[in-house]
Amino acid sequence: MVQIATLKKGNLRQSSRWPHNEKDQMPMFLRTIYATVAVVALCTIGTVGAAQAAGMMIVHHVVADYAKWRPGFDNDKSNQEAAGLTNPHVYQSVDNSKDITITFDMADVAKAKAFATSKTLKATMTKLGVKGKPQISFLNPAPSSFPVPPPPPPGDPTQH
């Protein structure tokens, strides 16, 4: 049972109890409060999620020999993780298996940029047969549109 309160001359007092019986509908102001809380919760969840994932780092380069490059890339995981780069995905071009693109989840932009420009990474890439200068991009999640409020509960008399 939910207690419904009203304001009378600035004081909060109990006015009635809801539901009075099984057939009573939820008062409109309670539906409004529930809908508002749901929208605020969805907005907060979206904001928290975006704060936890700073973005993505994408690396594109050509290698001399993929079979030689891949084990060296996999063995560099500790340096990647130290730079806040996790969950790597490696892709090969459909037309050229030596044309490689790698995506990482990026926790910290500054750490990722420092790693990308480090002498250590440059030496590792040279040793593993990366040809030319790699293209490296840093991406943040794009903001989404305002969330749509949840649908009204079943049996809502305001819906036709």
N, C-alpha and C. Protein backbone atom coordinates (compact mmCIF):
# COMPACT_ATOMS: atom_id res chain seq x y z
N MET A 1 0.85 -1.16 0.00
CA MET A 1 0.00 0.00 0.00
C MET A 1 0.90 1.23 0.00
N VAL A 2 0.58 2.23 -0.79
CA VAL A 2 1.35 3.46 -0.91
C VAL A 2 0.64 4.56 -0.17
N GLN A 3 1.35 5.31 0.65
CA GLN A 3 0.75 6.46 1.30
C GLN A 3 0.90 7.66 0.38
N ILE A 4 -0.17 8.41 0.22
CA ILE A 4 -0.16 9.60 -0.60
C ILE A 4 -0.24 10.79 0.34
N ALA A 5 0.67 11.74 0.17
CA ALA A 5 0.72 12.90 1.06
C ALA A 5 0.35 14.14 0.27
N THR A 6 -0.16 15.14 0.97
CA THR A 6 -0.48 16.42 0.35
C THR A 6 0.14 17.53 1.17
N LEU A 7 0.28 18.69 0.57
CA LEU A 7 0.80 19.85 1.28
C LEU A 7 -0.37 20.71 1.75
N LYS A 8 -0.36 21.11 2.99
CA LYS A 8 -1.38 22.02 3.51
C LYS A 8 -0.66 23.07 4.33
N LYS A 9 -0.65 24.30 3.81
CA LYS A 9 0.03 25.42 4.46
C LYS A 9 1.48 25.08 4.79
N GLY A 10 2.16 24.43 3.84
CA GLY A 10 3.58 24.15 3.99
C GLY A 10 3.91 22.92 4.82
N ASN A 11 2.92 22.29 5.40
CA ASN A 11 3.17 21.10 6.21
C ASN A 11 2.78 19.86 5.44
N LEU A 12 3.57 18.82 5.56
CA LEU A 12 3.28 17.56 4.90
C LEU A 12 2.36 16.75 5.81
N ARG A 13 1.24 16.28 5.28
CA ARG A 13 0.36 15.45 6.10
C ARG A 13 -0.17 14.30 5.26
N GLN A 14 -0.52 13.23 5.93
CA GLN A 14 -1.10 12.08 5.23
C GLN A 14 -2.53 12.43 4.83
N SER A 15 -2.87 12.18 3.55
CA SER A 15 -4.23 12.50 3.13
C SER A 15 -5.04 11.25 2.81
N SER A 16 -4.39 10.24 2.28
CA SER A 16 -5.14 9.02 1.95
C SER A 16 -4.17 7.89 1.68
N ARG A 17 -4.72 6.74 1.48
CA ARG A 17 -3.92 5.58 1.12
C ARG A 17 -4.37 5.10 -0.24
N TRP A 18 -3.41 4.57 -1.02
CA TRP A 18 -3.74 4.07 -2.35
C TRP A 18 -3.19 2.66 -2.48
N PRO A 19 -3.77 1.70 -3.05
CA PRO A 19 -5.11 1.78 -3.65
C PRO A 19 -6.19 1.61 -2.60
N HIS A 20 -7.33 2.25 -2.85
CA HIS A 20 -8.47 2.09 -1.95
C HIS A 20 -9.06 0.70 -2.12
N ASN A 21 -9.06 0.22 -3.34
CA ASN A 21 -9.50 -1.13 -3.62
C ASN A 21 -8.77 -1.62 -4.87
N GLU A 22 -8.98 -2.86 -5.28
CA GLU A 22 -8.27 -3.48 -6.39
C GLU A 22 -8.46 -2.75 -7.72
N LYS A 23 -9.59 -2.04 -7.91
CA LYS A 23 -9.90 -1.44 -9.19
C LYS A 23 -9.35 -0.02 -9.34
N ASP A 24 -8.81 0.58 -8.29
CA ASP A 24 -8.31 1.95 -8.38
C ASP A 24 -7.13 2.04 -9.35
N GLN A 25 -7.07 3.13 -10.08
CA GLN A 25 -5.96 3.39 -10.99
C GLN A 25 -4.88 4.18 -10.25
N MET A 26 -3.65 4.08 -10.74
CA MET A 26 -2.56 4.85 -10.17
C MET A 26 -2.82 6.33 -10.44
N PRO A 27 -2.73 7.19 -9.40
CA PRO A 27 -2.96 8.62 -9.61
C PRO A 27 -1.99 9.19 -10.65
N MET A 28 -2.43 10.17 -11.41
CA MET A 28 -1.65 10.76 -12.50
C MET A 28 -0.31 11.31 -11.98
N PHE A 29 -0.31 11.95 -10.81
CA PHE A 29 0.95 12.53 -10.34
C PHE A 29 1.98 11.44 -10.03
N LEU A 30 1.54 10.25 -9.58
CA LEU A 30 2.50 9.17 -9.35
C LEU A 30 3.05 8.64 -10.66
N ARG A 31 2.21 8.53 -11.69
CA ARG A 31 2.70 8.11 -13.00
C ARG A 31 3.73 9.10 -13.52
N THR A 32 3.48 10.38 -13.31
CA THR A 32 4.41 11.43 -13.75
C THR A 32 5.73 11.31 -13.00
N ILE A 33 5.66 11.07 -11.70
CA ILE A 33 6.89 10.93 -10.90
C ILE A 33 7.67 9.70 -11.38
N TYR A 34 7.00 8.57 -11.56
CA TYR A 34 7.68 7.35 -12.01
C TYR A 34 8.34 7.56 -13.37
N ALA A 35 7.63 8.22 -14.29
CA ALA A 35 8.19 8.47 -15.63
C ALA A 35 9.41 9.37 -15.54
N THR A 36 9.35 10.40 -14.69
CA THR A 36 10.47 11.33 -14.52
C THR A 36 11.68 10.61 -13.94
N VAL A 37 11.47 9.79 -12.94
CA VAL A 37 12.57 9.03 -12.33
C VAL A 37 13.19 8.09 -13.36
N ALA A 38 12.38 7.45 -14.19
CA ALA A 38 12.89 6.53 -15.21
C ALA A 38 13.76 7.27 -16.22
N VAL A 39 13.31 8.45 -16.67
CA VAL A 39 14.08 9.22 -17.65
C VAL A 39 15.40 9.68 -17.04
N VAL A 40 15.36 10.18 -15.81
CA VAL A 40 16.60 10.62 -15.14
C VAL A 40 17.55 9.44 -14.98
N ALA A 41 17.04 8.27 -14.61
CA ALA A 41 17.88 7.08 -14.44
C ALA A 41 18.53 6.70 -15.76
N LEU A 42 17.75 6.71 -16.85
CA LEU A 42 18.33 6.37 -18.16
C LEU A 42 19.42 7.36 -18.56
N CYS A 43 19.19 8.64 -18.32
CA CYS A 43 20.20 9.64 -18.66
C CYS A 43 21.46 9.43 -17.83
N THR A 44 21.29 9.14 -16.55
CA THR A 44 22.43 8.93 -15.67
C THR A 44 23.22 7.69 -16.07
N ILE A 45 22.53 6.61 -16.40
CA ILE A 45 23.21 5.38 -16.82
C ILE A 45 24.01 5.65 -18.08
N GLY A 46 23.44 6.36 -19.05
CA GLY A 46 24.15 6.68 -20.28
C GLY A 46 25.39 7.51 -20.02
N THR A 47 25.29 8.48 -19.10
CA THR A 47 26.42 9.34 -18.78
C THR A 47 27.51 8.55 -18.09
N VAL A 48 27.13 7.69 -17.15
CA VAL A 48 28.13 6.88 -16.43
C VAL A 48 28.84 5.95 -17.39
N GLY A 49 28.09 5.32 -18.30
CA GLY A 49 28.70 4.42 -19.27
C GLY A 49 29.70 5.13 -20.14
N ALA A 50 29.38 6.36 -20.57
CA ALA A 50 30.28 7.11 -21.42
C ALA A 50 31.53 7.52 -20.65
N ALA A 51 31.40 7.79 -19.37
CA ALA A 51 32.56 8.20 -18.58
C ALA A 51 33.53 7.04 -18.40
N GLN A 52 33.02 5.81 -18.34
CA GLN A 52 33.89 4.67 -18.11
C GLN A 52 34.69 4.29 -19.36
N ALA A 53 34.14 4.45 -20.52
CA ALA A 53 34.83 4.13 -21.76
C ALA A 53 35.22 5.43 -22.45
N ALA A 54 36.51 5.80 -22.34
CA ALA A 54 36.96 7.07 -22.91
C ALA A 54 36.88 7.05 -24.43
N GLY A 55 37.05 5.92 -25.04
CA GLY A 55 36.98 5.90 -26.49
C GLY A 55 37.71 4.73 -27.11
N MET A 56 38.28 5.02 -28.28
CA MET A 56 38.91 3.96 -29.07
C MET A 56 40.17 4.50 -29.74
N MET A 57 41.16 3.65 -29.84
CA MET A 57 42.35 3.96 -30.63
C MET A 57 42.34 3.00 -31.82
N ILE A 58 42.57 3.55 -33.01
CA ILE A 58 42.62 2.75 -34.22
C ILE A 58 43.99 2.91 -34.86
N VAL A 59 44.61 1.79 -35.18
CA VAL A 59 45.93 1.79 -35.81
C VAL A 59 45.79 1.12 -37.17
N HIS A 60 46.36 1.76 -38.20
CA HIS A 60 46.35 1.19 -39.54
C HIS A 60 47.77 1.20 -40.08
N HIS A 61 48.25 0.04 -40.54
CA HIS A 61 49.58 -0.04 -41.15
C HIS A 61 49.68 -1.28 -42.03
N VAL A 62 50.77 -1.35 -42.77
CA VAL A 62 51.06 -2.49 -43.63
C VAL A 62 52.26 -3.22 -43.02
N VAL A 63 52.20 -4.54 -43.03
CA VAL A 63 53.29 -5.35 -42.49
C VAL A 63 53.95 -6.14 -43.61
N ALA A 64 55.24 -6.46 -43.40
CA ALA A 64 55.97 -7.25 -44.41
C ALA A 64 55.49 -8.70 -44.42
N ASP A 65 55.22 -9.24 -43.21
CA ASP A 65 54.83 -10.65 -43.10
C ASP A 65 53.88 -10.79 -41.91
N TYR A 66 52.61 -11.03 -42.20
CA TYR A 66 51.60 -11.12 -41.13
C TYR A 66 51.94 -12.24 -40.14
N ALA A 67 52.39 -13.39 -40.64
CA ALA A 67 52.72 -14.54 -39.78
C ALA A 67 53.81 -14.19 -38.77
N LYS A 68 54.72 -13.30 -39.13
CA LYS A 68 55.77 -12.86 -38.20
C LYS A 68 55.24 -11.75 -37.29
N TRP A 69 54.42 -10.87 -37.82
CA TRP A 69 53.93 -9.71 -37.07
C TRP A 69 52.96 -10.12 -35.96
N ARG A 70 52.04 -11.02 -36.24
CA ARG A 70 50.96 -11.31 -35.29
C ARG A 70 51.44 -11.82 -33.93
N PRO A 71 52.37 -12.79 -33.85
CA PRO A 71 52.82 -13.23 -32.52
C PRO A 71 53.48 -12.09 -31.73
N GLY A 72 54.23 -11.23 -32.43
CA GLY A 72 54.87 -10.10 -31.75
C GLY A 72 53.83 -9.12 -31.22
N PHE A 73 52.78 -8.88 -31.99
CA PHE A 73 51.68 -8.01 -31.53
C PHE A 73 51.03 -8.61 -30.29
N ASP A 74 50.72 -9.90 -30.34
CA ASP A 74 50.08 -10.56 -29.20
C ASP A 74 50.96 -10.55 -27.96
N ASN A 75 52.26 -10.65 -28.14
CA ASN A 75 53.20 -10.65 -27.00
C ASN A 75 53.40 -9.26 -26.40
N ASP A 76 52.92 -8.22 -27.05
CA ASP A 76 53.07 -6.84 -26.55
C ASP A 76 51.88 -6.41 -25.69
N LYS A 77 51.05 -7.35 -25.29
CA LYS A 77 49.83 -7.05 -24.54
C LYS A 77 50.08 -6.26 -23.26
N SER A 78 51.16 -6.56 -22.55
CA SER A 78 51.42 -5.85 -21.29
C SER A 78 51.67 -4.36 -21.52
N ASN A 79 52.37 -4.02 -22.60
CA ASN A 79 52.59 -2.60 -22.92
C ASN A 79 51.28 -1.92 -23.34
N GLN A 80 50.47 -2.64 -24.09
CA GLN A 80 49.17 -2.10 -24.51
C GLN A 80 48.30 -1.82 -23.29
N GLU A 81 48.22 -2.77 -22.39
CA GLU A 81 47.38 -2.60 -21.20
C GLU A 81 47.91 -1.50 -20.28
N ALA A 82 49.23 -1.36 -20.20
CA ALA A 82 49.82 -0.28 -19.39
C ALA A 82 49.42 1.09 -19.94
N ALA A 83 49.16 1.15 -21.23
CA ALA A 83 48.72 2.40 -21.87
C ALA A 83 47.20 2.56 -21.83
N GLY A 84 46.51 1.66 -21.14
CA GLY A 84 45.05 1.75 -21.04
C GLY A 84 44.33 1.24 -22.29
N LEU A 85 45.02 0.45 -23.09
CA LEU A 85 44.45 -0.09 -24.32
C LEU A 85 44.09 -1.56 -24.10
N THR A 86 42.82 -1.88 -24.27
CA THR A 86 42.35 -3.23 -24.03
C THR A 86 41.43 -3.67 -25.17
N ASN A 87 41.06 -4.93 -25.13
CA ASN A 87 40.10 -5.50 -26.08
C ASN A 87 40.51 -5.26 -27.54
N PRO A 88 41.74 -5.67 -27.91
CA PRO A 88 42.17 -5.43 -29.29
C PRO A 88 41.43 -6.31 -30.30
N HIS A 89 41.14 -5.73 -31.44
CA HIS A 89 40.56 -6.46 -32.58
C HIS A 89 41.43 -6.18 -33.78
N VAL A 90 41.92 -7.23 -34.42
CA VAL A 90 42.81 -7.10 -35.57
C VAL A 90 42.03 -7.48 -36.83
N TYR A 91 42.13 -6.61 -37.84
CA TYR A 91 41.45 -6.84 -39.12
C TYR A 91 42.46 -6.79 -40.26
N GLN A 92 42.21 -7.60 -41.29
CA GLN A 92 43.02 -7.59 -42.49
C GLN A 92 42.15 -7.11 -43.65
N SER A 93 42.76 -6.36 -44.56
CA SER A 93 42.04 -5.92 -45.74
C SER A 93 41.60 -7.14 -46.55
N VAL A 94 40.44 -7.05 -47.17
CA VAL A 94 39.93 -8.12 -48.01
C VAL A 94 40.86 -8.34 -49.21
N ASP A 95 41.47 -7.25 -49.69
CA ASP A 95 42.30 -7.32 -50.88
C ASP A 95 43.79 -7.55 -50.61
N ASN A 96 44.23 -7.30 -49.36
CA ASN A 96 45.65 -7.42 -49.05
C ASN A 96 45.80 -7.84 -47.59
N SER A 97 46.18 -9.08 -47.35
CA SER A 97 46.28 -9.60 -45.98
C SER A 97 47.39 -8.94 -45.16
N LYS A 98 48.25 -8.17 -45.80
CA LYS A 98 49.32 -7.46 -45.08
C LYS A 98 48.88 -6.06 -44.64
N ASP A 99 47.72 -5.63 -45.08
CA ASP A 99 47.14 -4.33 -44.72
C ASP A 99 46.29 -4.54 -43.46
N ILE A 100 46.79 -4.03 -42.33
CA ILE A 100 46.23 -4.36 -41.01
C ILE A 100 45.60 -3.13 -40.37
N THR A 101 44.44 -3.34 -39.75
CA THR A 101 43.79 -2.32 -38.91
C THR A 101 43.51 -2.95 -37.56
N ILE A 102 43.84 -2.22 -36.51
CA ILE A 102 43.65 -2.70 -35.14
C ILE A 102 42.81 -1.68 -34.39
N THR A 103 41.81 -2.14 -33.66
CA THR A 103 41.04 -1.26 -32.78
C THR A 103 41.26 -1.68 -31.33
N PHE A 104 41.36 -0.70 -30.47
CA PHE A 104 41.49 -0.93 -29.02
C PHE A 104 40.44 -0.11 -28.30
N ASP A 105 39.92 -0.62 -27.20
CA ASP A 105 39.19 0.22 -26.26
C ASP A 105 40.25 1.05 -25.54
N MET A 106 39.97 2.33 -25.34
CA MET A 106 40.96 3.25 -24.80
C MET A 106 40.42 3.86 -23.50
N ALA A 107 41.08 3.60 -22.39
CA ALA A 107 40.64 4.11 -21.10
C ALA A 107 41.16 5.51 -20.82
N ASP A 108 42.32 5.87 -21.35
CA ASP A 108 42.96 7.15 -21.04
C ASP A 108 43.62 7.69 -22.31
N VAL A 109 43.11 8.80 -22.81
CA VAL A 109 43.62 9.37 -24.07
C VAL A 109 45.09 9.75 -23.94
N ALA A 110 45.46 10.39 -22.84
CA ALA A 110 46.85 10.84 -22.67
C ALA A 110 47.83 9.66 -22.67
N LYS A 111 47.49 8.60 -21.95
CA LYS A 111 48.35 7.41 -21.92
C LYS A 111 48.46 6.78 -23.31
N ALA A 112 47.32 6.70 -24.01
CA ALA A 112 47.31 6.09 -25.34
C ALA A 112 48.16 6.90 -26.32
N LYS A 113 48.05 8.23 -26.25
CA LYS A 113 48.85 9.09 -27.15
C LYS A 113 50.34 8.97 -26.82
N ALA A 114 50.66 8.90 -25.54
CA ALA A 114 52.07 8.74 -25.15
C ALA A 114 52.62 7.41 -25.67
N PHE A 115 51.83 6.36 -25.56
CA PHE A 115 52.25 5.04 -26.06
C PHE A 115 52.43 5.08 -27.58
N ALA A 116 51.49 5.71 -28.28
CA ALA A 116 51.52 5.75 -29.74
C ALA A 116 52.74 6.49 -30.28
N THR A 117 53.25 7.44 -29.53
CA THR A 117 54.42 8.21 -29.98
C THR A 117 55.72 7.76 -29.31
N SER A 118 55.66 6.68 -28.55
CA SER A 118 56.84 6.24 -27.80
C SER A 118 57.89 5.58 -28.70
N LYS A 119 59.14 5.72 -28.28
CA LYS A 119 60.25 5.06 -28.99
C LYS A 119 60.12 3.54 -28.87
N THR A 120 59.57 3.08 -27.76
CA THR A 120 59.40 1.64 -27.55
C THR A 120 58.46 1.05 -28.61
N LEU A 121 57.31 1.71 -28.84
CA LEU A 121 56.38 1.20 -29.85
C LEU A 121 57.00 1.27 -31.24
N LYS A 122 57.70 2.36 -31.53
CA LYS A 122 58.33 2.49 -32.84
C LYS A 122 59.34 1.36 -33.07
N ALA A 123 60.16 1.06 -32.05
CA ALA A 123 61.14 -0.03 -32.16
C ALA A 123 60.45 -1.39 -32.34
N THR A 124 59.37 -1.60 -31.60
CA THR A 124 58.62 -2.87 -31.71
C THR A 124 58.04 -3.02 -33.11
N MET A 125 57.45 -1.94 -33.64
CA MET A 125 56.87 -2.00 -34.98
C MET A 125 57.94 -2.28 -36.04
N THR A 126 59.09 -1.63 -35.90
CA THR A 126 60.18 -1.85 -36.85
C THR A 126 60.64 -3.31 -36.79
N LYS A 127 60.82 -3.82 -35.59
CA LYS A 127 61.26 -5.20 -35.38
C LYS A 127 60.26 -6.21 -35.98
N LEU A 128 58.96 -5.89 -35.91
CA LEU A 128 57.93 -6.81 -36.39
C LEU A 128 57.61 -6.64 -37.87
N GLY A 129 58.29 -5.71 -38.54
CA GLY A 129 58.12 -5.58 -39.98
C GLY A 129 57.02 -4.65 -40.44
N VAL A 130 56.66 -3.66 -39.61
CA VAL A 130 55.68 -2.66 -40.05
C VAL A 130 56.35 -1.77 -41.08
N LYS A 131 55.71 -1.58 -42.23
CA LYS A 131 56.25 -0.76 -43.32
C LYS A 131 55.68 0.65 -43.25
N GLY A 132 56.54 1.61 -43.36
CA GLY A 132 56.09 3.01 -43.39
C GLY A 132 55.57 3.49 -42.05
N LYS A 133 54.99 4.67 -42.08
CA LYS A 133 54.46 5.29 -40.87
C LYS A 133 53.01 4.84 -40.67
N PRO A 134 52.68 4.33 -39.46
CA PRO A 134 51.30 3.91 -39.21
C PRO A 134 50.36 5.13 -39.09
N GLN A 135 49.11 4.93 -39.43
CA GLN A 135 48.09 5.94 -39.19
C GLN A 135 47.41 5.58 -37.87
N ILE A 136 47.38 6.52 -36.93
CA ILE A 136 46.79 6.25 -35.62
C ILE A 136 45.74 7.32 -35.35
N SER A 137 44.54 6.87 -34.99
CA SER A 137 43.43 7.77 -34.68
C SER A 137 42.93 7.52 -33.27
N PHE A 138 42.47 8.58 -32.62
CA PHE A 138 41.91 8.52 -31.28
C PHE A 138 40.47 9.02 -31.36
N LEU A 139 39.53 8.20 -30.93
CA LEU A 139 38.12 8.55 -31.05
C LEU A 139 37.42 8.54 -29.70
N ASN A 140 36.52 9.50 -29.51
CA ASN A 140 35.64 9.52 -28.34
C ASN A 140 34.25 9.07 -28.77
N PRO A 141 33.48 8.50 -27.85
CA PRO A 141 32.10 8.14 -28.21
C PRO A 141 31.30 9.40 -28.54
N ALA A 142 30.52 9.36 -29.58
CA ALA A 142 29.65 10.48 -29.94
C ALA A 142 28.45 10.48 -29.02
N PRO A 143 27.98 11.67 -28.61
CA PRO A 143 26.81 11.71 -27.74
C PRO A 143 25.58 11.18 -28.47
N SER A 144 24.73 10.50 -27.73
CA SER A 144 23.49 9.98 -28.31
C SER A 144 22.38 10.99 -28.10
N SER A 145 21.28 10.79 -28.79
CA SER A 145 20.14 11.67 -28.60
C SER A 145 19.50 11.39 -27.25
N PHE A 146 18.67 12.32 -26.80
CA PHE A 146 18.00 12.19 -25.52
C PHE A 146 17.17 10.91 -25.52
N PRO A 147 17.23 10.10 -24.46
CA PRO A 147 16.49 8.84 -24.45
C PRO A 147 14.98 9.06 -24.48
N VAL A 148 14.30 8.15 -25.12
CA VAL A 148 12.84 8.18 -25.18
C VAL A 148 12.29 7.66 -23.87
N PRO A 149 11.30 8.34 -23.27
CA PRO A 149 10.74 7.85 -22.00
C PRO A 149 10.09 6.48 -22.20
N PRO A 150 10.05 5.69 -21.13
CA PRO A 150 9.45 4.37 -21.24
C PRO A 150 7.96 4.48 -21.54
N PRO A 151 7.39 3.43 -22.14
CA PRO A 151 5.95 3.47 -22.43
C PRO A 151 5.15 3.46 -21.14
N PRO A 152 3.91 3.96 -21.18
CA PRO A 152 3.08 3.94 -19.97
C PRO A 152 2.75 2.51 -19.58
N PRO A 153 2.41 2.29 -18.31
CA PRO A 153 2.08 0.93 -17.87
C PRO A 153 0.82 0.43 -18.58
N PRO A 154 0.70 -0.90 -18.70
CA PRO A 154 -0.50 -1.47 -19.32
C PRO A 154 -1.76 -1.02 -18.59
N GLY A 155 -2.80 -0.78 -19.36
CA GLY A 155 -4.06 -0.37 -18.75
C GLY A 155 -4.13 1.10 -18.42
N ASP A 156 -3.15 1.89 -18.87
CA ASP A 156 -3.13 3.33 -18.60
C ASP A 156 -4.32 3.97 -19.31
N PRO A 157 -5.24 4.62 -18.57
CA PRO A 157 -6.42 5.20 -19.20
C PRO A 157 -6.13 6.38 -20.12
N THR A 158 -4.91 6.95 -20.07
CA THR A 158 -4.58 8.08 -20.95
C THR A 158 -4.21 7.61 -22.34
N GLN A 159 -4.00 6.30 -22.52
CA GLN A 159 -3.66 5.74 -23.83
C GLN A 159 -4.91 5.21 -24.52
N HIS A 160 -5.04 5.48 -25.80
CA HIS A 160 -6.22 5.01 -26.56
C HIS A 160 -5.84 3.90 -27.47
